[in-house]
Protein backbone atom coordinates (compact mmCIF):
# COMPACT_ATOMS: atom_id res chain seq x y z
CA MET A 1 -1.38 -131.89 158.96
CA ASN A 2 -3.86 -132.36 156.63
CA GLY A 3 -1.86 -133.05 153.97
CA PHE A 4 -1.81 -136.72 155.75
CA PRO A 5 -4.27 -139.07 154.29
CA GLN A 6 -7.36 -138.98 156.97
CA SER A 7 -7.05 -143.02 157.43
CA ASP A 8 -3.86 -142.12 159.28
CA ARG A 9 -5.16 -139.60 161.85
CA PRO A 10 -7.79 -141.22 164.26
CA GLY A 11 -8.92 -139.02 166.82
CA PRO A 12 -7.60 -139.64 169.78
CA ARG A 13 -4.25 -141.17 170.04
CA PRO A 14 -2.84 -143.12 172.56
CA PRO A 15 -1.72 -140.85 175.26
CA ARG A 16 1.66 -143.29 175.85
CA GLY A 17 2.34 -143.51 172.14
CA GLN A 18 2.48 -139.41 171.73
CA ARG A 19 4.90 -138.77 174.84
CA LEU A 20 6.97 -141.51 173.39
CA ARG A 21 7.09 -139.08 170.34
CA LYS A 22 7.55 -136.25 172.62
CA LEU A 23 10.52 -138.18 174.25
CA LEU A 24 11.97 -138.96 170.88
CA LEU A 25 12.06 -135.59 169.88
CA ALA A 26 13.83 -134.25 173.07
CA VAL A 27 16.63 -136.71 172.61
CA GLY A 28 17.24 -135.56 169.01
CA PHE A 29 17.27 -132.37 170.25
CA LEU A 30 19.69 -133.47 172.80
CA ALA A 31 21.87 -135.06 170.89
CA LEU A 32 22.21 -132.16 168.31
CA PHE A 33 23.35 -130.37 171.31
CA VAL A 34 25.75 -132.27 172.54
CA ALA A 35 26.99 -132.68 168.70
CA VAL A 36 28.04 -128.93 168.54
CA LEU A 37 29.10 -128.66 172.12
CA ALA A 38 31.53 -131.22 171.16
CA ALA A 39 32.34 -129.55 167.88
CA HIS A 40 33.04 -126.52 169.31
CA GLU A 41 35.11 -127.52 172.21
CA ALA A 42 37.07 -129.03 169.70
CA PRO A 43 38.57 -125.68 167.43
CA ALA A 44 40.86 -125.78 164.69
CA THR A 45 44.08 -125.18 165.31
CA GLY A 46 45.73 -124.95 162.12
CA TYR A 47 44.80 -125.77 158.27
CA GLU A 48 42.51 -128.68 157.76
CA LEU A 49 42.24 -130.28 154.37
CA SER A 50 39.01 -132.01 155.24
CA ILE A 51 36.59 -130.27 157.73
CA TYR A 52 34.18 -133.08 157.57
CA GLY A 53 37.69 -135.69 159.17
CA ALA A 54 38.75 -133.04 161.37
CA THR A 55 35.33 -132.43 163.20
CA PRO A 56 35.05 -135.16 166.08
CA ALA A 57 32.98 -137.99 165.32
CA ALA A 58 30.95 -137.30 168.25
CA PHE A 59 29.40 -134.38 166.48
CA TRP A 60 28.44 -136.54 163.35
CA GLY A 61 27.23 -139.35 165.89
CA GLY A 62 24.55 -137.16 167.02
CA VAL A 63 23.35 -135.06 164.05
CA ALA A 64 22.79 -138.35 162.49
CA LEU A 65 20.88 -139.23 165.61
CA ALA A 66 18.92 -135.92 165.28
CA LEU A 67 18.27 -136.51 161.76
CA ALA A 68 16.96 -139.76 162.07
CA LEU A 69 14.39 -139.09 164.59
CA SER A 70 13.48 -136.38 163.02
CA LEU A 71 13.10 -138.24 159.26
CA TYR A 72 10.49 -141.08 161.32
CA LEU A 73 9.12 -138.28 163.62
CA ALA A 74 8.11 -136.15 160.72
CA TRP A 75 6.87 -139.50 158.44
CA THR A 76 5.13 -141.06 160.98
CA GLY A 77 1.42 -140.85 160.09
CA ALA A 78 0.32 -141.10 164.22
CA ALA A 79 2.64 -138.05 165.49
CA SER A 80 0.62 -134.87 166.42
CA ASP A 81 1.19 -131.51 164.75
CA ARG A 82 3.34 -130.30 167.34
CA VAL A 83 5.65 -133.18 167.13
CA ARG A 84 6.15 -132.70 163.30
CA SER A 85 6.77 -129.48 163.52
CA GLY A 86 9.34 -130.02 166.02
CA ALA A 87 10.95 -132.82 164.08
CA LEU A 88 11.02 -130.19 160.90
CA LEU A 89 13.19 -127.33 163.29
CA LEU A 90 15.19 -130.50 164.79
CA ALA A 91 16.21 -131.97 161.39
CA SER A 92 16.32 -127.94 159.75
CA ALA A 93 19.26 -127.21 162.69
CA SER A 94 21.09 -130.23 162.20
CA VAL A 95 21.57 -129.35 158.92
CA PHE A 96 22.26 -126.11 159.45
CA SER A 97 24.52 -127.11 162.07
CA VAL A 98 26.54 -128.66 159.66
CA VAL A 99 26.63 -125.84 157.12
CA ALA A 100 27.91 -123.35 160.37
CA LEU A 101 30.91 -125.99 161.43
CA PRO A 102 33.71 -123.27 160.07
CA ALA A 103 31.94 -120.80 163.15
CA ILE A 104 31.15 -123.39 165.40
CA ARG A 105 34.79 -124.70 165.16
CA GLY A 106 36.63 -121.21 165.02
CA TYR A 107 37.42 -120.61 161.40
CA TYR A 108 39.28 -117.43 160.92
CA PHE A 109 37.45 -117.14 157.44
CA VAL A 110 36.79 -119.24 154.75
CA GLY A 111 37.14 -118.86 151.05
CA ALA A 112 40.65 -118.62 149.94
CA GLY A 113 39.92 -117.39 146.29
CA ASP A 114 36.73 -114.51 145.82
CA SER A 115 35.99 -114.36 149.39
CA LEU A 116 39.26 -112.66 150.10
CA THR A 117 38.88 -110.27 147.32
CA HIS A 118 35.10 -109.69 149.00
CA LEU A 119 36.86 -109.05 152.25
CA GLY A 120 38.55 -106.35 151.42
CA TRP A 121 35.84 -104.85 149.90
CA LEU A 122 33.80 -104.67 152.97
CA GLU A 123 37.34 -103.07 154.64
CA GLU A 124 37.00 -100.55 152.30
CA MET A 125 33.16 -99.91 152.74
CA ALA A 126 33.30 -99.89 156.20
CA ALA A 127 36.46 -97.50 156.07
CA ASN A 128 33.93 -94.89 153.83
CA THR A 129 36.89 -95.24 150.59
CA LEU A 130 34.39 -97.50 148.86
CA GLN A 131 30.94 -96.25 148.75
CA PRO A 132 28.13 -99.03 148.38
CA VAL A 133 26.26 -97.13 145.21
CA ALA A 134 29.26 -97.55 143.71
CA PHE A 135 29.69 -100.97 143.59
CA LEU A 136 28.20 -103.91 141.60
CA TYR A 137 26.52 -106.46 144.31
CA PRO A 138 26.98 -104.44 148.15
CA GLY A 139 24.04 -107.08 149.56
CA VAL A 140 26.30 -109.67 150.64
CA HIS A 141 28.94 -106.69 151.97
CA THR A 142 26.03 -104.55 153.82
CA VAL A 143 24.61 -107.18 155.51
CA ALA A 144 28.14 -108.24 156.91
CA LEU A 145 28.82 -104.49 157.99
CA PHE A 146 25.38 -104.96 160.38
CA ALA A 147 26.17 -107.87 161.70
CA SER A 148 29.72 -106.49 162.67
CA GLN A 149 28.29 -103.62 164.04
CA VAL A 150 25.42 -105.20 165.93
CA LEU A 151 27.34 -108.36 167.17
CA GLY A 152 30.40 -106.78 167.52
CA VAL A 153 32.92 -109.32 165.77
CA GLY A 154 36.02 -108.72 163.05
CA PHE A 155 34.76 -108.58 159.35
CA PRO A 156 36.13 -112.25 158.35
CA LYS A 157 33.84 -113.44 161.22
CA ALA A 158 30.78 -110.24 160.32
CA ILE A 159 31.16 -112.11 156.34
CA GLU A 160 30.58 -115.88 158.03
CA TYR A 161 27.24 -114.86 159.61
CA ALA A 162 26.05 -112.95 156.46
CA VAL A 163 26.77 -115.97 154.06
CA LEU A 164 25.04 -118.29 157.14
CA ALA A 165 22.17 -115.86 157.17
CA PHE A 166 21.28 -116.27 153.26
CA VAL A 167 21.66 -120.26 153.97
CA LEU A 168 18.59 -119.48 156.65
CA VAL A 169 16.46 -117.79 154.33
CA TYR A 170 16.70 -120.53 151.56
CA LEU A 171 15.67 -123.32 154.09
CA VAL A 172 13.32 -121.27 155.54
CA PHE A 173 11.51 -120.41 152.33
CA VAL A 174 11.62 -123.79 150.33
CA PRO A 175 9.06 -125.33 152.02
CA LEU A 176 6.98 -122.39 152.36
CA CYS A 177 7.87 -122.48 148.27
CA VAL A 178 6.04 -125.72 148.11
CA ARG A 179 2.93 -125.92 150.20
CA ALA A 180 2.06 -122.34 148.67
CA ILE A 181 2.32 -124.19 145.09
CA VAL A 182 0.35 -127.67 146.61
CA GLY A 183 -1.49 -126.22 149.44
CA THR A 184 -0.91 -128.49 152.32
CA ASP A 185 1.70 -129.28 155.51
CA LEU A 186 2.55 -132.91 153.72
CA ALA A 187 4.17 -130.40 151.41
CA LEU A 188 5.35 -128.86 153.95
CA VAL A 189 7.44 -131.78 155.51
CA VAL A 190 8.96 -132.75 151.75
CA GLY A 191 10.08 -129.13 151.05
CA THR A 192 11.94 -128.76 154.24
CA PHE A 193 13.75 -131.96 153.55
CA SER A 194 14.16 -131.35 150.13
CA ALA A 195 15.88 -127.81 151.06
CA LEU A 196 18.14 -129.66 153.23
CA LEU A 197 19.74 -131.14 150.49
CA LEU A 198 21.14 -127.50 149.39
CA LEU A 199 21.04 -128.65 146.04
CA PRO A 200 22.34 -125.47 144.15
CA VAL A 201 25.65 -125.36 146.01
CA ASN A 202 27.75 -127.74 143.30
CA ASN A 203 31.18 -126.35 144.61
CA ILE A 204 32.01 -125.41 140.96
CA SER A 205 30.14 -121.60 140.72
CA VAL A 206 28.59 -121.97 144.04
CA HIS A 207 30.09 -121.89 147.34
CA LEU A 208 28.86 -121.69 150.86
CA MET A 209 31.05 -118.77 151.45
CA ALA A 210 31.37 -115.12 150.42
CA HIS A 211 30.44 -115.58 147.38
CA PRO A 212 27.09 -112.86 145.99
CA THR A 213 26.44 -115.58 143.37
CA THR A 214 25.69 -118.04 146.19
CA GLN A 215 24.33 -115.86 148.31
CA ALA A 216 21.72 -114.36 145.47
CA ILE A 217 20.66 -118.00 144.54
CA LEU A 218 20.20 -118.65 148.29
CA PHE A 219 17.83 -115.32 148.45
CA THR A 220 15.76 -116.51 145.04
CA PRO A 221 13.28 -118.85 147.56
CA LEU A 222 12.14 -115.30 149.28
CA VAL A 223 11.11 -113.87 145.74
CA LEU A 224 9.89 -116.29 144.76
CA PHE A 225 6.97 -117.29 147.26
CA LEU A 226 6.32 -113.41 147.67
CA ALA A 227 5.70 -113.83 143.59
CA LEU A 228 3.37 -116.72 143.94
CA HIS A 229 1.41 -115.27 147.11
CA TYR A 230 1.28 -112.40 145.27
CA LEU A 231 -0.66 -113.83 142.30
CA THR A 232 -2.31 -116.11 144.07
CA ARG A 233 -3.93 -113.13 146.30
CA ASN A 234 -6.77 -111.25 146.15
CA PRO A 235 -6.56 -111.37 142.43
CA SER A 236 -9.13 -109.60 141.52
CA ARG A 237 -7.42 -106.52 142.58
CA ALA A 238 -6.59 -103.83 139.98
CA THR A 239 -2.97 -104.16 138.35
CA LEU A 240 -1.68 -100.85 140.20
CA THR A 241 -3.12 -101.30 143.42
CA VAL A 242 -1.01 -101.16 146.09
CA THR A 243 -0.81 -104.11 148.28
CA ALA A 244 1.24 -105.15 151.36
CA SER A 245 2.30 -108.30 149.55
CA GLY A 246 3.17 -106.30 146.13
CA ALA A 247 5.46 -103.68 148.06
CA MET A 248 6.86 -106.42 150.04
CA LEU A 249 7.89 -108.43 146.21
CA ALA A 250 8.88 -105.05 145.03
CA VAL A 251 11.23 -105.13 148.12
CA ALA A 252 12.68 -107.96 147.71
CA THR A 253 13.32 -107.68 143.80
CA LEU A 254 15.66 -104.51 144.65
CA ALA A 255 17.19 -106.34 146.88
CA ILE A 256 18.03 -109.67 145.01
CA VAL A 257 19.57 -106.96 142.32
CA LEU A 258 21.86 -104.97 145.07
CA VAL A 259 22.89 -108.98 146.29
CA HIS A 260 23.31 -109.61 142.72
CA PRO A 261 22.23 -108.29 139.21
CA GLN A 262 23.47 -112.15 137.05
CA THR A 263 20.86 -114.08 139.97
CA ALA A 264 18.29 -110.54 139.16
CA LEU A 265 18.00 -111.45 135.41
CA ASN A 266 17.62 -114.83 136.16
CA VAL A 267 14.09 -113.98 138.20
CA LEU A 268 13.51 -111.30 135.97
CA LEU A 269 13.43 -114.32 133.12
CA LEU A 270 11.53 -116.04 135.17
CA PHE A 271 8.90 -113.12 135.95
CA GLY A 272 9.05 -112.06 132.12
CA THR A 273 7.85 -115.43 131.43
CA VAL A 274 5.03 -115.31 133.82
CA VAL A 275 4.03 -112.12 131.95
CA VAL A 276 4.08 -113.87 128.84
CA VAL A 277 1.96 -116.62 130.11
CA GLN A 278 -0.57 -114.48 131.44
CA VAL A 279 -1.12 -112.36 128.44
CA VAL A 280 -1.49 -115.89 125.96
CA TYR A 281 -4.28 -117.09 128.98
CA ARG A 282 -6.00 -114.00 128.85
CA ARG A 283 -6.34 -113.78 125.14
CA PHE A 284 -6.99 -117.01 124.78
CA ARG A 285 -8.36 -118.98 127.77
CA PRO A 286 -10.01 -116.77 129.89
CA ALA A 287 -11.65 -119.04 132.16
CA HIS A 288 -8.55 -120.32 133.29
CA ALA A 289 -6.75 -119.88 136.67
CA VAL A 290 -4.20 -118.30 135.27
CA SER A 291 -6.29 -115.77 134.09
CA ARG A 292 -7.52 -115.29 137.45
CA HIS A 293 -4.69 -114.25 138.76
CA ARG A 294 -3.11 -110.80 139.71
CA PRO A 295 -1.36 -109.88 136.86
CA LEU A 296 2.59 -109.28 137.82
CA TYR A 297 3.28 -107.12 135.05
CA ALA A 298 4.09 -104.50 137.37
CA GLN A 299 6.37 -106.61 139.72
CA THR A 300 8.33 -107.39 136.32
CA ALA A 301 8.36 -103.76 135.18
CA VAL A 302 10.16 -102.70 138.83
CA LEU A 303 12.89 -105.38 138.60
CA THR A 304 13.50 -104.56 134.85
CA LEU A 305 13.87 -100.87 135.35
CA ALA A 306 15.85 -101.56 138.73
CA PHE A 307 18.25 -104.00 136.66
CA ALA A 308 18.05 -101.46 133.98
CA VAL A 309 19.33 -98.45 136.25
CA TRP A 310 21.64 -100.68 138.30
CA ALA A 311 23.74 -103.25 136.31
CA PRO A 312 24.71 -101.89 132.96
CA ARG A 313 26.91 -98.99 134.28
CA ASN A 314 29.52 -101.65 135.82
CA ALA A 315 32.54 -102.59 133.95
CA ARG A 316 32.10 -106.03 135.19
CA VAL A 317 28.63 -106.60 133.70
CA GLN A 318 30.28 -105.03 130.25
CA GLY A 319 33.30 -107.90 130.31
CA THR A 320 30.65 -110.57 131.02
CA VAL A 321 28.93 -109.41 128.15
CA ALA A 322 31.85 -108.99 125.50
CA GLY A 323 33.30 -112.35 126.87
CA VAL A 324 29.83 -114.06 125.54
CA LEU A 325 29.28 -112.30 122.41
CA ASN A 326 33.39 -112.73 121.67
CA ASN A 327 32.78 -116.62 121.60
CA LEU A 328 29.85 -116.11 120.19
CA LEU A 329 31.40 -114.71 117.28
CA HIS A 330 34.61 -117.04 117.24
CA GLY A 331 33.23 -120.12 118.19
CA ALA A 332 34.19 -121.92 121.53
CA THR A 333 34.98 -125.38 122.60
CA PRO A 334 31.76 -126.88 124.23
CA GLY A 335 33.17 -128.87 127.26
CA ALA A 336 36.86 -128.27 127.65
CA ALA A 337 37.47 -127.49 130.90
CA ILE A 338 35.33 -130.23 131.67
CA ALA A 339 37.48 -132.57 129.19
CA GLU A 340 41.36 -130.63 131.05
CA HIS A 341 39.24 -131.63 134.35
CA GLY A 342 38.52 -134.96 133.64
CA THR A 343 42.22 -135.69 132.58
CA SER A 344 43.54 -134.23 135.97
CA LEU A 345 41.01 -136.26 138.14
CA LEU A 346 42.24 -139.52 136.77
CA ALA A 347 45.64 -138.42 137.18
CA VAL A 348 44.70 -138.21 140.93
CA GLY A 349 42.70 -141.09 141.32
CA GLY A 350 39.44 -140.05 140.25
CA SER A 351 36.87 -139.50 137.13
CA LEU A 352 34.43 -137.68 135.99
CA GLY A 353 31.69 -140.40 136.33
CA GLY A 354 32.31 -140.60 140.45
CA LEU A 355 32.51 -136.85 140.88
CA PHE A 356 29.61 -136.69 139.01
CA VAL A 357 27.48 -139.11 140.96
CA LYS A 358 28.78 -137.45 144.17
CA LEU A 359 27.71 -134.04 143.20
CA PHE A 360 24.83 -133.92 140.79
CA LEU A 361 23.12 -137.59 141.44
CA VAL A 362 20.71 -136.37 143.53
CA SER A 363 19.69 -133.08 141.87
CA ALA A 364 19.85 -135.84 138.77
CA VAL A 365 16.73 -137.51 140.90
CA PHE A 366 14.98 -134.13 141.75
CA ALA A 367 15.35 -133.41 137.89
CA ALA A 368 13.44 -135.74 137.15
CA PHE A 369 10.84 -135.28 139.92
CA ALA A 370 10.33 -131.52 138.28
CA GLY A 371 10.23 -132.83 134.90
CA LEU A 372 7.37 -135.41 135.54
CA LEU A 373 5.33 -132.69 137.09
CA MET A 374 6.47 -130.24 134.29
CA LEU A 375 5.59 -132.51 131.68
CA ALA A 376 2.25 -133.49 133.33
CA ALA A 377 1.36 -129.46 133.27
CA LEU A 378 2.61 -129.43 129.57
CA ALA A 379 0.47 -132.17 129.05
CA GLY A 380 -2.87 -131.03 130.65
CA ARG A 381 -2.69 -134.47 133.04
CA LEU A 382 -2.74 -132.19 136.59
CA ASP A 383 -5.66 -132.72 138.40
CA GLY A 384 -8.31 -130.16 137.29
CA ARG A 385 -9.55 -130.12 141.23
CA TYR A 386 -6.51 -127.62 142.03
CA PRO A 387 -6.65 -125.02 139.42
CA ASP A 388 -4.85 -122.76 141.20
CA ARG A 389 -2.09 -125.39 141.57
CA ASN A 390 -1.80 -126.37 138.66
CA ALA A 391 -1.32 -122.78 137.63
CA LEU A 392 1.40 -122.00 139.82
CA VAL A 393 3.12 -125.36 138.31
CA THR A 394 2.51 -123.90 134.77
CA TYR A 395 4.38 -120.83 135.23
CA LEU A 396 7.24 -122.44 136.58
CA THR A 397 7.13 -125.08 133.73
CA ALA A 398 7.64 -122.28 131.12
CA GLY A 399 10.09 -120.10 133.20
CA MET A 400 12.66 -122.82 132.85
CA VAL A 401 12.62 -122.72 129.05
CA PRO A 402 14.78 -119.45 129.33
CA LEU A 403 16.65 -120.36 132.00
CA LEU A 404 17.38 -124.10 130.57
CA ALA A 405 18.51 -121.93 127.11
CA ALA A 406 21.05 -119.69 129.07
CA PHE A 407 22.26 -122.66 130.73
CA LEU A 408 22.66 -124.18 127.31
CA VAL A 409 24.13 -121.12 125.28
CA PHE A 410 26.85 -120.75 128.38
CA PHE A 411 27.81 -124.14 128.12
CA LEU A 412 28.21 -124.24 124.19
CA LEU A 413 30.23 -120.92 124.28
CA SER A 414 32.58 -122.26 127.31
CA VAL A 415 32.47 -119.17 129.31
CA GLU A 416 34.71 -120.08 132.01
CA THR A 417 32.00 -121.36 134.99
CA GLN A 418 29.31 -119.50 134.14
CA PRO A 419 26.89 -122.82 132.88
CA PHE A 420 27.33 -124.00 136.62
CA ARG A 421 25.98 -120.35 137.91
CA TYR A 422 23.38 -121.49 136.08
CA SER A 423 22.62 -124.95 137.01
CA GLY A 424 22.89 -123.81 140.75
CA PHE A 425 19.73 -121.14 139.80
CA ILE A 426 18.26 -123.92 138.08
CA MET A 427 18.12 -126.34 141.10
CA ALA A 428 16.92 -123.47 143.47
CA VAL A 429 13.70 -123.86 141.01
CA VAL A 430 14.23 -127.45 140.41
CA THR A 431 13.47 -128.43 144.17
CA VAL A 432 10.68 -126.30 144.55
CA LEU A 433 9.56 -128.20 141.75
CA GLY A 434 10.36 -131.63 143.05
CA ALA A 435 9.17 -131.39 146.35
CA ALA A 436 6.27 -130.29 144.65
CA ALA A 437 6.15 -133.40 142.71
CA LEU A 438 6.75 -135.50 145.26
CA ALA A 439 3.83 -134.45 147.22
CA ILE A 440 1.22 -134.01 144.66
CA GLY A 441 2.49 -138.14 143.96
CA LEU A 442 2.29 -139.02 147.25
CA ARG A 443 -1.50 -136.94 147.67
CA SER A 444 -2.33 -139.12 144.26
CA LEU A 445 -0.95 -142.86 144.78
CA SER A 446 -2.08 -142.76 148.88
CA THR A 447 -5.57 -143.77 146.66
CA ARG A 448 -4.05 -146.85 145.40
CA VAL A 449 -0.88 -147.82 147.80
CA SER A 450 -0.97 -147.77 151.48
CA SER A 451 0.05 -144.62 153.02
CA THR A 452 2.41 -146.02 155.19
CA THR A 453 4.20 -147.77 152.32
CA LEU A 454 4.57 -144.03 151.04
CA ARG A 455 6.35 -142.34 153.37
CA ALA A 456 8.50 -144.90 154.32
CA ALA A 457 9.67 -145.01 150.41
CA VAL A 458 10.14 -141.32 150.88
CA ALA A 459 11.73 -141.07 154.09
CA VAL A 460 13.97 -144.08 152.75
CA LEU A 461 14.76 -141.44 150.10
CA PHE A 462 15.78 -138.62 152.38
CA VAL A 463 17.97 -141.34 153.77
CA LEU A 464 20.12 -142.21 151.38
CA ALA A 465 20.13 -138.34 150.00
CA THR A 466 21.15 -136.49 152.72
CA PRO A 467 24.21 -138.07 153.76
CA LEU A 468 25.60 -137.47 150.06
CA ALA A 469 24.23 -134.06 149.82
CA VAL A 470 25.64 -132.67 153.31
CA ALA A 471 29.26 -134.55 152.24
CA THR A 472 29.52 -132.10 149.18
CA VAL A 473 28.68 -128.86 150.71
CA PHE A 474 32.60 -128.44 151.59
CA GLY A 475 35.63 -129.16 149.62
CA SER A 476 37.05 -132.13 150.89
CA PRO A 477 39.13 -134.86 149.44
CA PHE A 478 35.79 -136.77 149.53
CA ILE A 479 35.29 -134.37 145.78
CA TYR A 480 38.70 -133.80 145.08
CA GLN A 481 39.02 -130.02 146.27
CA PRO A 482 40.84 -128.94 149.38
CA ASN A 483 38.79 -127.12 152.26
CA ALA A 484 38.78 -123.54 151.91
CA GLN A 485 39.67 -122.34 155.19
CA VAL A 486 42.03 -119.68 155.62
CA THR A 487 43.60 -119.50 158.84
CA GLU A 488 44.43 -116.57 160.42
CA MET A 489 48.22 -117.44 160.59
CA GLN A 490 48.37 -117.76 157.41
CA VAL A 491 47.01 -114.09 156.69
CA THR A 492 49.56 -113.06 159.35
CA GLY A 493 52.62 -114.65 157.54
CA TYR A 494 51.39 -112.79 154.00
CA ARG A 495 50.81 -109.49 156.23
CA THR A 496 54.41 -109.56 157.76
CA ALA A 497 55.94 -110.77 154.28
CA PHE A 498 54.05 -107.72 152.35
CA SER A 499 55.23 -105.25 154.81
CA HIS A 500 58.91 -106.57 155.20
CA ARG A 501 59.19 -106.73 151.76
CA ALA A 502 62.17 -105.56 149.47
CA ASP A 503 61.32 -102.94 146.87
CA GLY A 504 61.92 -104.33 144.13
CA VAL A 505 61.68 -108.25 144.54
CA ALA A 506 58.80 -110.29 142.78
CA PHE A 507 56.20 -112.43 144.36
CA ALA A 508 55.79 -116.09 142.92
CA GLY A 509 53.52 -118.38 144.48
CA ILE A 510 52.27 -122.24 144.23
CA ARG A 511 49.57 -121.90 141.49
CA SER A 512 48.42 -118.13 141.95
CA GLY A 513 50.19 -115.25 142.96
CA PRO A 514 48.82 -113.79 146.38
CA GLU A 515 46.82 -111.05 144.71
CA ARG A 516 44.07 -112.54 146.63
CA TYR A 517 45.86 -112.03 150.15
CA LEU A 518 46.92 -108.44 148.77
CA HIS A 519 43.10 -107.69 148.48
CA ALA A 520 42.10 -109.07 151.99
CA ILE A 521 44.66 -107.58 154.13
CA TYR A 522 45.21 -104.07 152.12
CA GLY A 523 41.82 -103.43 150.49
CA THR A 524 40.48 -104.64 147.29
CA ASN A 525 40.44 -101.35 145.15
CA ARG A 526 44.06 -100.38 146.85
CA ALA A 527 45.32 -103.48 145.83
CA GLU A 528 44.89 -102.83 143.01
CA ALA A 529 46.35 -99.71 142.11
CA MET A 530 49.46 -100.45 144.26
CA ALA A 531 52.63 -101.26 141.99
CA PHE A 532 53.35 -104.85 143.81
CA PRO A 533 55.19 -107.01 141.15
CA GLY A 534 54.03 -110.28 140.94
CA LYS A 535 51.04 -110.19 142.79
CA THR A 536 49.31 -112.55 140.24
CA ALA A 537 52.72 -114.99 139.25
CA ALA A 538 52.63 -118.75 139.84
CA VAL A 539 55.65 -120.86 139.80
CA PRO A 540 55.70 -123.00 136.57
CA GLN A 541 55.53 -126.14 138.09
CA ARG A 542 57.61 -127.83 135.70
CA VAL A 543 60.31 -124.83 136.77
CA PHE A 544 59.47 -126.17 140.93
CA ASN A 545 59.89 -129.23 140.21
CA THR A 546 63.47 -129.20 138.16
CA ASN A 547 65.61 -125.66 138.37
CA LEU A 548 63.47 -123.45 140.67
CA SER A 549 66.90 -121.82 142.24
CA SER A 550 68.26 -121.01 138.40
CA TYR A 551 65.35 -120.23 136.78
CA TYR A 552 64.88 -116.90 137.51
CA GLY A 553 66.31 -113.66 136.04
CA GLY A 554 66.36 -111.69 139.62
CA ASP A 555 65.25 -112.77 142.86
CA ARG A 556 61.86 -114.04 143.99
CA TYR A 557 59.33 -114.16 146.70
CA LEU A 558 57.67 -117.46 147.30
CA PRO A 559 54.90 -118.18 149.76
CA VAL A 560 54.33 -121.32 150.63
CA SER A 561 51.15 -122.18 152.81
CA GLN A 562 50.56 -125.00 154.90
CA ARG A 563 47.39 -124.91 152.82
CA ASP A 564 49.41 -125.44 150.00
CA HIS A 565 51.37 -128.44 150.95
CA GLN A 566 48.33 -129.66 152.41
CA ARG A 567 46.96 -129.24 148.60
CA GLU A 568 49.60 -130.48 146.11
CA VAL A 569 51.00 -133.34 148.30
CA VAL A 570 48.55 -134.85 150.37
CA LEU A 571 45.14 -133.97 147.96
CA TYR A 572 46.82 -133.77 144.47
CA ARG A 573 49.31 -136.45 145.63
CA GLY A 574 52.26 -134.10 143.89
CA PHE A 575 50.68 -134.29 140.19
CA ARG A 576 51.58 -130.72 139.14
CA TYR A 577 54.16 -129.67 142.27
CA HIS A 578 56.09 -132.77 143.98
CA ALA A 579 56.35 -133.94 147.30
CA ALA A 580 60.01 -134.10 146.85
CA SER A 581 60.41 -130.51 145.63
CA PHE A 582 58.33 -129.35 148.83
CA ARG A 583 61.30 -130.80 150.92
CA ALA A 584 64.13 -129.31 148.98
CA LEU A 585 62.87 -125.92 149.69
CA GLY A 586 64.73 -125.35 152.76
CA GLY A 587 67.74 -127.34 151.53
CA THR A 588 68.57 -126.05 148.17
CA PRO A 589 71.45 -123.28 147.79
CA GLY A 590 70.32 -119.57 146.94
CA ILE A 591 66.86 -120.72 148.44
CA ASP A 592 66.42 -119.57 152.22
CA ARG A 593 63.47 -119.74 154.65
CA VAL A 594 63.19 -116.14 155.75
CA GLU A 595 59.51 -116.33 157.65
CA SER A 596 57.99 -118.82 159.06
CA ASN A 597 54.89 -119.26 161.68
CA GLY A 598 54.12 -123.18 161.26
CA ALA A 599 51.63 -122.06 158.91
CA PHE A 600 53.23 -119.95 156.66
CA ASN A 601 56.91 -120.19 154.82
CA LEU A 602 58.56 -117.18 153.05
CA TYR A 603 61.10 -118.35 151.36
CA TYR A 604 63.76 -115.92 149.13
CA ILE A 605 65.24 -117.00 145.83
CA ASP A 606 68.38 -115.34 145.20
CA SER A 607 68.97 -115.53 141.58
CA GLY A 608 72.70 -114.31 142.21
CA ALA A 609 73.71 -117.72 144.26
């Protein structure tokens, strides 16, 4: 590949060495095949608090071997282009197999919160009771409908496949973005392994489940790649000339509005900044590469119009804007939610510092790489022999300014988890910039440091970073979060409870009421219109732990799933809901178990007993 130093690319290579590398590549693919087969042959039989611990060791061993071989083959200077390309494919397939574990191991559904609501909307779209044009973010749902029709699978599985499709988009287009900026095949190698870290996924506001914000963030590199291509191809063409790259970019920007308008607004901020940079450079530095690039004016106008027509009409957008303005006018306590979570973490044996290391250490390292590149761009220290590369870095550097400002505003206003949505989007851009910084740095240092040493250092970086990144893509005790798995028996239990409930008897749940399951079972809009008492009610922890049978003035249903018990007793060690109180449910007078299927219990609290 032309990104590697010429000294490491001798003409004819020893056939024996190439045969050995091809053999190692074949061993890597075989190891991955065995790993996936081992995981598939060990399907989930109930709720698993950690998908990592429940997946057979053979899977992790096979994936580890495949990743190790792919790293070696991708970074060795003597490997042929074909072997190196195969190594990148092997690495991507290895990490993708981890991301796809819920599908491989037969999970019924992933996502016990918002995702169940999205499942309800999907079912209403399929039944034509909800029209996509009347919905704020129908992109993920229409992809899932397509998957359901083409593959002949149910909606829970179809929406899971849609999530995986967006992950594939991210894994493909991050390295393409890096190569578009740096212009070498070395950049493709760095970009591939950087993409595999999945840095935007923070498990606070960006999750690998049906969550349109996440899917829009993972879709962003495709839009970014098309924009980079549009800017640098045929720069002499007129601004309003219709080109294939321009048409593709317009379609992609329209698509991201439909996936999630908030992320589209972030892209609009990025595009708008590029336009400002182009206007300024054309006025004051007409000889600069920025001034020679094709203007992004028309594409930014298309995205602006699409966002203005689509987003403001929806009540959700109006509510978010109102919340921001309210906090801005009346003040907020910055970091209040973080401080509260810090106290809870200490109670279960963790700490904010330890959690930060697990979730954000790798992101911080890449942010440092990206920061160095941006500082070099601002200081005019980039190598002048590569004007187009420097111009693209300048665009992204300027584009980070409004994004970081938005993150800071949301953090200071403490608007729920919005700051971490911006963090996820920012990390998608930072991944590209950080990988570009690594590729540029390797190229620059190769004249002073042995290329073998440089490649070994970067390989070690990814050897250390990849396991930590992969260990945090799913919720697990490692990051003090329960697995987002939803079992079929759990949904069946709720469905039976809803259909056989006594009129007028309210529900109350552990931490939250059964509203999300109502959405999944009856459809979200229909469930919201139902007169269903207690659908959002949670049992106060002090009541659950002391006087549950005498607290309520009327009868109550209390659903307790296997997930509830594992989360509260095993993961959180009875921090809120005590283990003894769960055990007491079956033997307390006035509390009767009226339904059980092994994964779900329904208790009836008789206030008159």
